[in-house]
Protein backbone atom coordinates (compact mmCIF):
# COMPACT_ATOMS: atom_id res chain seq x y z
CA MET A 1 -25.62 -7.61 -23.77
CA SER A 2 -24.02 -5.91 -26.17
CA ALA A 3 -20.93 -3.71 -24.97
CA GLY A 4 -22.28 -0.07 -26.97
CA PRO A 5 -22.30 3.04 -25.31
CA GLU A 6 -26.22 2.67 -24.63
CA ARG A 7 -27.28 -0.84 -22.98
CA ARG A 8 -31.27 -1.65 -21.83
CA LEU A 9 -31.11 -3.29 -18.51
CA GLY A 10 -35.02 -4.01 -17.71
CA THR A 11 -36.91 -0.51 -18.39
CA ARG A 12 -34.08 1.35 -17.80
CA ARG A 13 -31.48 3.11 -20.30
CA TRP A 14 -27.91 3.16 -19.24
CA ILE A 15 -25.69 5.64 -21.07
CA SER A 16 -21.98 4.59 -21.36
CA ALA A 17 -19.11 7.03 -19.23
CA PRO A 18 -17.86 8.48 -22.41
CA VAL A 19 -20.93 10.13 -23.22
CA VAL A 20 -21.76 11.44 -19.85
CA ILE A 21 -18.60 12.97 -19.63
CA GLY A 22 -18.50 14.42 -22.79
CA MET A 23 -22.23 16.29 -22.54
CA VAL A 24 -21.08 17.03 -18.77
CA ALA A 25 -17.46 19.32 -20.91
CA ILE A 26 -20.12 20.89 -23.21
CA VAL A 27 -22.29 22.20 -20.61
CA ALA A 28 -19.04 23.22 -18.66
CA ALA A 29 -17.67 25.25 -21.54
CA ALA A 30 -21.12 26.82 -22.05
CA LEU A 31 -21.00 28.41 -18.51
CA ALA A 32 -17.60 29.13 -18.48
CA GLY A 33 -18.32 31.20 -21.59
CA CYS A 34 -21.27 32.94 -20.24
CA GLU A 35 -19.62 34.08 -17.11
CA ARG A 36 -16.18 34.59 -18.76
CA GLY A 37 -17.48 37.36 -21.58
CA PRO A 38 -18.47 39.82 -19.21
CA ARG A 39 -15.66 39.29 -16.82
CA GLU A 40 -12.90 40.04 -19.64
CA VAL A 41 -14.79 42.79 -20.79
CA ALA A 42 -14.56 44.80 -17.94
CA ARG A 43 -10.99 43.69 -17.76
CA SER A 44 -10.45 45.17 -20.81
CA THR A 45 -8.49 48.13 -20.58
CA GLY A 46 -10.39 51.81 -20.68
CA ALA A 47 -13.45 49.73 -22.31
CA ALA A 48 -15.27 48.59 -19.31
CA ASP A 49 -18.66 50.03 -21.30
CA ALA A 50 -17.66 47.90 -24.29
CA VAL A 51 -20.15 46.11 -26.26
CA GLY A 52 -19.19 42.73 -26.68
CA ALA A 53 -17.58 42.38 -30.64
CA TRP A 54 -19.14 38.92 -31.04
CA THR A 55 -22.33 37.52 -31.05
CA CYS A 56 -25.20 35.26 -31.68
CA ALA A 57 -27.28 35.85 -35.28
CA MET A 58 -29.89 33.20 -33.72
CA HIS A 59 -29.31 34.90 -29.45
CA PRO A 60 -28.33 38.19 -30.01
CA GLN A 61 -28.53 38.66 -26.15
CA ILE A 62 -24.74 36.93 -26.13
CA HIS A 63 -22.02 39.01 -25.84
CA LEU A 64 -18.29 37.34 -25.97
CA PRO A 65 -14.95 39.21 -26.32
CA ARG A 66 -13.77 36.34 -28.72
CA PRO A 67 -15.03 34.15 -31.64
CA GLY A 68 -16.20 30.92 -30.93
CA LYS A 69 -19.38 29.41 -30.72
CA CYS A 70 -23.05 30.42 -29.21
CA PRO A 71 -23.65 28.65 -26.04
CA ILE A 72 -27.33 28.13 -26.77
CA CYS A 73 -27.53 26.94 -30.02
CA ALA A 74 -23.41 26.14 -31.08
CA MET A 75 -23.35 28.38 -34.37
CA ASP A 76 -20.26 30.18 -34.48
CA LEU A 77 -20.45 33.64 -33.48
CA VAL A 78 -20.33 36.75 -35.99
CA GLN A 79 -18.53 40.41 -35.20
CA VAL A 80 -20.30 42.81 -34.32
CA PRO A 81 -19.31 46.48 -35.83
CA GLY A 82 -17.56 48.66 -32.87
CA GLY A 83 -19.37 50.74 -30.67
CA THR A 84 -19.50 51.90 -26.73
CA ARG A 85 -22.53 51.15 -24.68
CA GLY A 86 -22.64 54.56 -23.87
CA ALA A 87 -23.35 55.42 -27.43
CA ALA A 88 -25.84 52.60 -28.02
CA GLU A 89 -28.02 53.50 -24.80
CA GLN A 90 -28.02 57.47 -26.07
CA HIS A 91 -29.05 56.05 -29.28
CA PRO A 92 -30.69 53.15 -29.37
CA ARG A 93 -31.62 53.01 -33.31
CA ARG A 94 -28.58 54.82 -34.29
CA TYR A 95 -25.95 52.70 -36.83
CA ALA A 96 -22.70 53.28 -38.32
CA MET A 97 -21.38 52.26 -41.58
CA SER A 98 -18.25 52.91 -43.36
CA ALA A 99 -18.51 54.56 -47.14
CA GLU A 100 -17.46 50.94 -48.38
CA ALA A 101 -20.77 49.11 -45.85
CA VAL A 102 -22.74 51.63 -47.68
CA ALA A 103 -21.78 50.63 -51.17
CA LEU A 104 -21.52 47.29 -50.63
CA ALA A 105 -25.28 47.23 -48.81
CA ASP A 106 -26.63 49.78 -51.55
CA VAL A 107 -27.63 52.05 -49.45
CA GLU A 108 -30.05 54.68 -50.77
CA THR A 109 -31.50 58.31 -49.31
CA ALA A 110 -33.78 60.22 -51.03
CA PRO A 111 -35.63 63.25 -49.43
CA VAL A 112 -38.38 63.85 -47.49
CA ARG A 113 -40.71 66.48 -49.43
CA ARG A 114 -44.29 68.21 -49.51
CA GLY A 115 -46.31 67.87 -52.64
CA LEU A 116 -49.73 67.39 -53.92
CA VAL A 117 -51.22 63.75 -53.83
CA ALA A 118 -53.62 61.88 -56.37
CA LYS A 119 -55.12 58.43 -56.01
CA GLU A 120 -57.54 56.56 -58.29
CA VAL A 121 -59.29 54.71 -56.20
CA ARG A 122 -61.10 51.86 -57.97
CA MET A 123 -64.49 50.58 -57.41
CA VAL A 124 -67.22 47.80 -58.54
CA GLY A 125 -70.55 47.47 -58.58
CA LYS A 126 -73.63 47.53 -60.63
CA VAL A 127 -76.51 50.21 -61.89
CA ASP A 128 -79.53 49.95 -59.77
CA TYR A 129 -83.60 52.00 -60.08
CA ASP A 130 -83.58 55.46 -58.51
CA GLU A 131 -85.75 54.62 -55.65
CA THR A 132 -87.24 58.06 -55.59
CA ARG A 133 -88.40 57.75 -59.31
CA LEU A 134 -90.12 54.51 -58.49
CA SER A 135 -94.09 53.87 -58.43
CA THR A 136 -96.46 52.13 -57.40
CA ILE A 137 -100.10 51.67 -59.58
CA ALA A 138 -102.84 50.17 -56.76
CA ALA A 139 -105.98 49.62 -56.85
CA TRP A 140 -108.47 52.53 -55.10
CA VAL A 141 -111.36 50.64 -54.99
CA PRO A 142 -112.16 46.81 -54.92
CA GLY A 143 -113.17 45.24 -57.99
CA ARG A 144 -112.36 43.02 -60.68
CA ILE A 145 -109.51 43.48 -63.37
CA ASP A 146 -111.79 43.20 -66.72
CA ARG A 147 -109.26 43.99 -69.01
CA VAL A 148 -105.45 44.00 -68.83
CA TYR A 149 -103.91 46.68 -71.60
CA VAL A 150 -100.28 46.32 -70.30
CA ASP A 151 -99.91 42.71 -70.24
CA TYR A 152 -96.06 41.97 -69.36
CA THR A 153 -92.70 43.63 -67.92
CA GLY A 154 -90.81 46.07 -69.70
CA VAL A 155 -92.97 47.25 -71.49
CA PRO A 156 -92.48 51.32 -71.37
CA VAL A 157 -95.50 53.30 -70.61
CA LYS A 158 -95.78 57.14 -70.78
CA GLU A 159 -97.73 59.37 -68.13
CA GLY A 160 -101.78 59.25 -68.92
CA GLU A 161 -101.65 56.38 -70.75
CA HIS A 162 -104.66 53.51 -70.09
CA LEU A 163 -103.08 50.37 -67.70
CA VAL A 164 -106.51 48.60 -66.55
CA TYR A 165 -110.37 48.26 -67.17
CA LEU A 166 -111.48 47.65 -63.56
CA TYR A 167 -115.02 46.94 -62.91
CA SER A 168 -116.48 48.05 -59.17
CA PRO A 169 -119.94 48.35 -57.72
CA GLU A 170 -118.98 50.73 -55.81
CA LEU A 171 -118.54 52.99 -58.66
CA ARG A 172 -121.58 53.38 -59.47
CA THR A 173 -122.74 53.89 -56.20
CA THR A 174 -120.58 57.08 -56.19
CA GLN A 175 -121.10 58.35 -59.29
CA ASP A 176 -124.69 58.57 -58.68
CA GLU A 177 -124.06 60.59 -55.65
CA PHE A 178 -122.26 63.28 -57.45
CA LEU A 179 -124.90 63.40 -60.59
CA GLN A 180 -127.43 63.74 -57.96
CA ALA A 181 -125.70 66.83 -55.90
CA ARG A 182 -124.95 67.90 -59.35
CA LYS A 183 -128.14 68.08 -60.45
CA ALA A 184 -129.65 69.42 -57.02
CA ALA A 185 -126.82 72.39 -57.37
CA ARG A 186 -128.57 73.04 -60.69
CA GLU A 187 -132.16 73.30 -59.50
CA LEU A 188 -130.99 75.56 -56.58
CA GLY A 189 -129.24 77.67 -58.53
CA ASP A 190 -130.99 80.66 -58.52
CA SER A 191 -132.35 80.11 -55.22
CA ARG A 192 -131.75 83.61 -53.42
CA VAL A 193 -131.63 80.96 -50.29
CA SER A 194 -127.97 81.34 -49.55
CA VAL A 195 -127.85 78.29 -46.94
CA LEU A 196 -129.18 75.93 -49.36
CA LYS A 197 -127.04 77.05 -52.29
CA ASP A 198 -123.94 76.95 -50.16
CA SER A 199 -125.04 73.23 -48.79
CA THR A 200 -125.96 71.73 -52.11
CA GLU A 201 -121.83 73.27 -53.42
CA ALA A 202 -120.56 71.84 -50.28
CA MET A 203 -122.37 68.41 -50.83
CA VAL A 204 -120.87 68.75 -55.18
CA ASP A 205 -117.38 68.82 -53.80
CA ALA A 206 -117.72 66.30 -51.28
CA ALA A 207 -119.00 64.02 -53.88
CA ARG A 208 -116.06 65.02 -56.26
CA GLU A 209 -113.91 64.63 -53.72
CA LYS A 210 -115.35 61.31 -53.33
CA LEU A 211 -114.39 60.24 -56.95
CA ARG A 212 -111.00 61.26 -56.47
CA LEU A 213 -110.35 59.19 -53.56
CA LEU A 214 -111.90 56.19 -56.09
CA GLY A 215 -109.19 57.28 -58.80
CA LEU A 216 -111.03 59.01 -61.11
CA THR A 217 -109.01 61.69 -62.88
CA ARG A 218 -110.51 65.39 -63.88
CA ALA A 219 -111.10 64.48 -67.70
CA GLN A 220 -113.39 61.15 -66.00
CA GLN A 221 -115.04 63.45 -63.53
CA ARG A 222 -115.89 65.98 -66.50
CA GLY A 223 -116.62 63.11 -69.04
CA LEU A 224 -119.15 61.51 -66.11
CA GLU A 225 -120.72 65.41 -65.76
CA LYS A 226 -121.21 65.37 -69.64
CA ARG A 227 -122.63 61.86 -70.30
CA GLY A 228 -124.70 62.47 -66.90
CA ALA A 229 -124.94 58.39 -66.11
CA SER A 230 -122.82 56.29 -63.99
CA SER A 231 -120.62 53.29 -64.39
CA ASP A 232 -119.45 50.55 -62.88
CA HIS A 233 -116.28 50.37 -64.89
CA LEU A 234 -112.89 52.66 -64.85
CA THR A 235 -110.06 52.52 -66.69
CA VAL A 236 -106.94 53.17 -65.07
CA TYR A 237 -104.15 55.22 -65.95
CA SER A 238 -100.36 55.75 -65.07
CA PRO A 239 -100.10 58.56 -62.61
CA ILE A 240 -96.15 58.76 -64.41
CA GLY A 241 -94.19 57.86 -67.49
CA GLY A 242 -91.77 55.23 -67.29
CA THR A 243 -90.86 51.24 -67.06
CA VAL A 244 -93.08 48.44 -65.98
CA VAL A 245 -90.61 46.50 -64.02
CA GLU A 246 -92.95 44.58 -62.23
CA LYS A 247 -96.98 43.44 -63.14
CA ASN A 248 -99.09 41.55 -60.36
CA VAL A 249 -102.37 40.96 -61.55
CA PHE A 250 -104.58 39.17 -64.63
CA GLU A 251 -107.76 39.64 -66.68
CA GLY A 252 -110.49 37.82 -63.98
CA MET A 253 -108.35 38.57 -60.77
CA TYR A 254 -110.75 40.45 -58.33
CA VAL A 255 -108.51 42.94 -56.14
CA GLU A 256 -108.78 45.01 -52.80
CA THR A 257 -108.34 48.14 -51.94
CA GLY A 258 -104.35 48.90 -52.05
CA THR A 259 -103.84 45.48 -54.18
CA PRO A 260 -100.49 46.26 -56.28
CA ILE A 261 -101.13 46.19 -59.69
CA TYR A 262 -97.79 47.52 -61.30
CA LYS A 263 -94.53 49.14 -60.05
CA ILE A 264 -93.16 51.63 -62.99
CA ALA A 265 -89.29 52.88 -62.56
CA ASP A 266 -88.46 56.18 -64.43
CA LEU A 267 -84.81 55.15 -65.32
CA SER A 268 -83.98 58.46 -66.97
CA LYS A 269 -82.21 58.61 -64.04
CA VAL A 270 -80.41 55.56 -62.46
CA TRP A 271 -78.33 55.22 -59.34
CA VAL A 272 -74.83 52.97 -59.61
CA ARG A 273 -74.37 51.14 -56.47
CA LEU A 274 -70.25 50.70 -55.42
CA ASP A 275 -68.05 48.95 -52.75
CA ALA A 276 -65.40 50.97 -51.46
CA TYR A 277 -62.65 49.23 -49.19
CA GLU A 278 -62.38 50.68 -45.65
CA SER A 279 -58.70 51.74 -47.12
CA ASP A 280 -59.90 54.09 -49.49
CA MET A 281 -62.69 55.60 -47.34
CA SER A 282 -60.30 58.75 -46.56
CA TRP A 283 -60.28 59.67 -50.54
CA ILE A 284 -64.13 59.47 -51.15
CA ARG A 285 -66.74 62.77 -50.56
CA TYR A 286 -70.28 63.56 -50.98
CA GLY A 287 -70.41 65.37 -54.39
CA GLN A 288 -67.03 63.79 -55.84
CA ASP A 289 -67.88 63.31 -59.53
CA VAL A 290 -67.15 59.59 -60.28
CA ALA A 291 -66.27 57.87 -63.76
CA PHE A 292 -66.95 54.51 -64.59
CA THR A 293 -67.49 52.36 -67.35
CA THR A 294 -69.73 48.63 -68.34
CA GLU A 295 -69.06 46.00 -70.45
CA ALA A 296 -72.10 46.27 -72.68
CA TYR A 297 -70.33 50.45 -74.11
CA ALA A 298 -67.04 48.75 -74.24
CA GLY A 299 -64.76 52.16 -74.32
CA GLU A 300 -67.38 54.61 -73.15
CA THR A 301 -67.46 56.61 -69.46
CA PHE A 302 -70.22 57.77 -67.82
CA HIS A 303 -70.16 60.23 -65.23
CA GLY A 304 -72.41 60.82 -61.97
CA ARG A 305 -71.97 62.17 -58.84
CA VAL A 306 -71.37 60.72 -55.06
CA ALA A 307 -74.66 60.88 -53.16
CA PHE A 308 -74.68 59.03 -50.97
CA ILE A 309 -72.41 56.93 -48.05
CA GLU A 310 -73.70 54.40 -45.93
CA PRO A 311 -72.60 55.05 -41.98
CA ILE A 312 -72.56 51.17 -41.92
CA LEU A 313 -69.66 48.96 -43.12
CA ASP A 314 -70.48 45.71 -44.49
CA PRO A 315 -69.16 42.81 -42.13
CA ARG A 316 -69.18 39.94 -44.80
CA THR A 317 -67.52 42.40 -47.48
CA ARG A 318 -65.40 44.63 -44.92
CA THR A 319 -66.48 47.20 -47.65
CA VAL A 320 -69.09 50.64 -48.00
CA LYS A 321 -71.64 51.17 -50.17
CA VAL A 322 -71.19 54.42 -52.25
CA ARG A 323 -74.16 55.25 -54.03
CA VAL A 324 -73.97 57.72 -57.47
CA ASN A 325 -76.63 59.44 -59.12
CA VAL A 326 -76.30 59.46 -63.07
CA ASP A 327 -78.27 60.70 -65.81
CA ASN A 328 -79.50 57.99 -68.20
CA ALA A 329 -81.69 60.09 -70.43
CA ASP A 330 -80.71 57.45 -73.11
CA GLY A 331 -81.81 54.87 -71.33
CA ARG A 332 -78.72 52.69 -72.05
CA LEU A 333 -77.68 52.11 -68.35
CA LYS A 334 -80.20 48.95 -67.31
CA PRO A 335 -80.64 48.34 -64.01
CA GLU A 336 -78.29 45.01 -62.77
CA MET A 337 -75.37 46.02 -65.02
CA PHE A 338 -71.68 45.46 -63.38
CA VAL A 339 -69.64 48.92 -63.61
CA ARG A 340 -66.26 49.36 -63.25
CA ALA A 341 -65.90 52.78 -61.57
CA ILE A 342 -63.00 55.30 -60.50
CA VAL A 343 -62.86 58.25 -58.33
CA ARG A 344 -59.79 60.64 -58.27
CA ALA A 345 -58.40 62.74 -55.55
CA GLY A 346 -56.35 64.56 -53.98
CA VAL A 347 -55.89 64.79 -49.93
CA THR A 348 -54.32 67.06 -47.82
CA GLN A 349 -52.14 66.93 -44.54
CA GLY A 350 -55.31 67.10 -42.65
CA GLY A 351 -57.32 64.36 -44.69
CA LYS A 352 -59.27 66.62 -46.78
CA VAL A 353 -59.88 66.16 -50.14
CA MET A 354 -58.74 69.01 -52.92
CA ASP A 355 -61.24 69.29 -55.87
CA PRO A 356 -60.62 72.42 -57.92
CA GLU A 357 -64.13 72.08 -59.55
CA MET A 358 -65.52 72.23 -55.68
CA VAL A 359 -63.87 75.05 -54.02
CA GLY A 360 -66.06 77.87 -53.13
CA LYS A 361 -68.96 76.15 -54.30
CA TRP A 362 -72.45 76.01 -52.94
CA ILE A 363 -74.19 71.73 -53.31
CA GLY A 364 -77.14 70.42 -52.76
CA PRO A 365 -78.06 68.44 -49.64
CA MET A 366 -79.85 66.04 -50.63
CA HIS A 367 -78.83 66.25 -54.94
CA PRO A 368 -75.31 66.51 -55.48
CA GLU A 369 -75.57 67.35 -59.11
CA ILE A 370 -76.84 70.84 -58.27
CA VAL A 371 -73.93 73.17 -57.47
CA ARG A 372 -73.45 76.47 -57.55
CA GLU A 373 -71.54 79.46 -57.20
CA GLY A 374 -73.42 81.07 -54.33
CA PRO A 375 -75.81 79.95 -51.53
CA GLY A 376 -79.54 79.77 -52.56
CA ASP A 377 -81.90 77.01 -52.54
CA CYS A 378 -82.25 73.48 -54.23
CA PRO A 379 -84.04 73.59 -57.21
CA VAL A 380 -85.37 70.06 -56.54
CA CYS A 381 -86.02 69.54 -53.10
CA GLY A 382 -86.03 73.64 -51.97
CA MET A 383 -83.82 73.10 -49.29
CA PRO A 384 -80.58 75.43 -48.51
CA LEU A 385 -77.86 74.76 -50.42
CA VAL A 386 -74.88 73.92 -47.87
CA ARG A 387 -70.82 74.91 -48.86
CA ALA A 388 -68.66 72.07 -50.32
CA GLU A 389 -66.36 72.65 -47.15
CA GLU A 390 -68.73 71.23 -45.08
CA TYR A 391 -68.35 68.08 -46.65
CA GLY A 392 -64.55 67.93 -46.63
CA TYR A 393 -62.93 70.08 -50.23
CA VAL A 394 -60.32 72.89 -49.36
CA ALA A 395 -58.10 74.27 -52.08
CA ALA A 396 -54.35 73.20 -51.67
CA SER A 397 -52.43 75.86 -50.15
CA ASP A 398 -48.73 75.55 -48.80
CA GLY A 399 -49.55 74.91 -44.79
CA GLU A 400 -51.52 72.16 -46.30
CA THR A 401 -49.65 70.36 -48.96
CA PRO A 402 -49.05 66.85 -47.97
CA LEU A 403 -46.13 65.63 -46.49
CA LEU A 404 -44.59 62.93 -48.58
CA VAL A 405 -42.06 59.92 -48.06
CA PRO A 406 -41.37 57.77 -50.48
CA ALA A 407 -43.63 53.70 -50.32
CA SER A 408 -40.32 51.71 -49.84
CA ALA A 409 -38.87 54.08 -47.20
CA PRO A 410 -40.85 52.41 -43.99
CA LEU A 411 -40.86 49.50 -42.76
CA ILE A 412 -43.97 48.26 -41.60
CA THR A 413 -44.76 45.45 -39.25
CA GLY A 414 -48.59 46.43 -38.39
CA GLU A 415 -47.79 47.49 -34.93
CA ARG A 416 -45.31 50.42 -36.05
CA ALA A 417 -43.84 52.00 -39.16
CA VAL A 418 -39.82 52.80 -39.36
CA VAL A 419 -37.81 54.74 -41.41
CA TYR A 420 -33.78 55.24 -41.02
CA VAL A 421 -32.99 59.33 -41.07
CA ARG A 422 -29.45 60.16 -42.14
CA VAL A 423 -28.08 61.86 -39.31
CA PRO A 424 -25.95 64.61 -40.86
CA GLY A 425 -22.26 66.42 -39.99
CA GLN A 426 -21.16 62.55 -39.20
CA GLU A 427 -17.66 61.70 -40.39
CA GLU A 428 -19.19 57.97 -41.32
CA PRO A 429 -23.01 57.31 -42.53
CA THR A 430 -25.03 57.28 -39.86
CA PHE A 431 -28.46 56.18 -39.87
CA ASP A 432 -31.35 56.74 -36.93
CA GLY A 433 -34.19 54.77 -36.71
CA ARG A 434 -36.97 56.78 -36.05
CA GLU A 435 -41.10 55.79 -35.77
CA ILE A 436 -43.13 57.34 -37.51
CA VAL A 437 -47.46 57.77 -38.39
CA LEU A 438 -48.10 57.10 -41.91
CA GLY A 439 -51.48 58.41 -44.14
CA PRO A 440 -53.24 56.85 -46.98
CA ARG A 441 -50.42 56.05 -49.41
CA THR A 442 -50.89 57.37 -52.80
CA GLY A 443 -49.42 55.70 -55.86
CA ASP A 444 -45.53 55.47 -54.41
CA ASP A 445 -45.80 57.47 -51.61
CA TYR A 446 -47.03 57.15 -48.28
CA VAL A 447 -48.54 60.64 -46.87
CA VAL A 448 -46.61 61.62 -43.18
CA ARG A 449 -48.72 62.48 -40.66
CA GLU A 450 -46.37 62.93 -37.59
CA GLY A 451 -42.70 61.88 -37.67
CA LEU A 452 -40.11 63.74 -40.25
CA ARG A 453 -39.41 66.84 -41.50
CA GLU A 454 -39.34 68.34 -44.84
CA GLY A 455 -35.67 67.85 -46.50
CA GLU A 456 -34.63 65.12 -43.89
CA GLU A 457 -32.75 62.00 -45.97
CA VAL A 458 -34.54 58.84 -45.35
CA VAL A 459 -33.51 55.31 -46.59
CA VAL A 460 -35.11 54.48 -49.34
CA ARG A 461 -33.30 51.18 -50.03
CA GLY A 462 -30.91 48.90 -47.94
CA ASN A 463 -33.22 50.09 -45.09
CA PHE A 464 -33.94 46.08 -43.92
CA LYS A 465 -30.54 45.79 -43.86
CA ILE A 466 -29.70 48.15 -41.49
CA ASP A 467 -32.43 46.99 -39.49
CA SER A 468 -31.57 43.41 -39.71
CA ALA A 469 -27.69 44.44 -38.08
CA LEU A 470 -29.81 46.14 -35.52
CA GLN A 471 -31.81 43.18 -34.41
CA ILE A 472 -27.98 41.39 -34.37
CA GLN A 473 -26.92 43.87 -31.62
CA ALA A 474 -29.79 43.48 -29.72
CA ARG A 475 -30.92 46.71 -30.24
CA PRO A 476 -34.63 48.63 -30.85
CA SER A 477 -35.46 47.66 -34.44
CA MET A 478 -38.68 47.78 -36.70
CA MET A 479 -39.57 44.58 -34.40
CA SER A 480 -39.06 46.00 -31.04
CA ASP A 481 -39.77 49.42 -29.39
CA ASP A 482 -37.56 51.91 -28.27
CA ASP A 483 -36.35 50.50 -25.57
CA GLY A 484 -35.77 47.13 -27.56
CA ALA A 485 -39.16 45.28 -26.07
CA PRO A 486 -40.42 42.98 -28.68
CA ALA A 487 -43.63 43.81 -30.33
CA VAL A 488 -46.53 42.27 -27.93
CA PRO A 489 -49.90 41.66 -29.65
CA HIS A 490 -52.71 43.96 -28.47
CA ALA A 491 -55.36 42.58 -26.52
CA GLY A 492 -58.04 41.06 -27.88
CA HIS A 493 -56.25 40.97 -31.22
CA ALA A 494 -56.32 37.13 -33.10
CA HIS A 495 -53.13 36.71 -34.60
């Protein structure tokens, strides 16, 4: 066998005596260091509560009175700034620095202030049909399509234009009934028996209503009366103007009552459907003006108003659909066009949107383009107008002006937001860590909900260095609660 520090005998491994002695010495030194520190601190004059002057950067629970090695990881100990345990317990997040240390750490502060905030919420989406302006032209009577006048989609049609020529035997029967009722009414027109006269007039009205239900217009009914002869063919006219977006029949095709023939869309008004992220929902309100651009018309901006915010979040995209009503009288906006939109909004301390154009106004509850100076009814749907304040609009006032802090001031971990506030009246620059509640971010600032007062000085540069120094001393920091306990993920959260 070789005479090295390790030897194998069977399946066992033997370690030489010098190695064992060295290992025992290391462990003993570590235990002695751990035990010696507290005793020597307690014996120091007038410093029974003094914090250990040397600690480990990796294990801040280690506090020793003199330099050396960490008994856990054997790293060199680092010196901790002076202080007493009583002061640390009274202000666990407080940290004092010399003026030279402040300059060396490049620590800067800025005041907490109040101010009006504005944010541009950017969204993307596409143009869509206005569902309230879509009409389906269906067969009102069973029969055969003998001629199709509008034979492809995309054709613009006007109200009253002919669409198809339909054959139906049922038409002749109903028209004959109407003509017979009209003849009987003429023959009994001079009758002195009011019962007969009224009954024949009732028969004419009933026959006329049956013609209407079969799709004959007033003009077609008058033509039938003038002609005096029935027909088994019917021309179907468009009840609205718009663009044919669906064509479902061909010449020679048989249809039943209710069979869709065309779908026509009025594109003089369109919808723009946008995707808004969760974090932007606090800035979006019903009735807001939305500016958007398209790829087709570069450099040109279109406008509309928010008409609907869906109450359900899309679980796949984590966005909320926002619908905008847009005038499109010139027809340049085409369904399925991609758009990029911007909503400009200001918000108050309470989270309400400030919009000078909407303050004190009345708005249509179903049609946001209807904005009036006073109460009344919506000219489109007849519903009573609603105060804009009910949709979260307010005027800016001193009491509602948001409290703002620079975005670089808070240290945000997901569990908490911590800022370091300069303590006034101290001989040395002193900073207190404070947990705050943040509102939405707007540009270079955060809205502060709780935790700060106007005029307080917060660290906007060098705050992470101060926080790191507290972590080295095993005191509460951005990564721990006020009692110094490390952050624990909430139950049910995935990490």
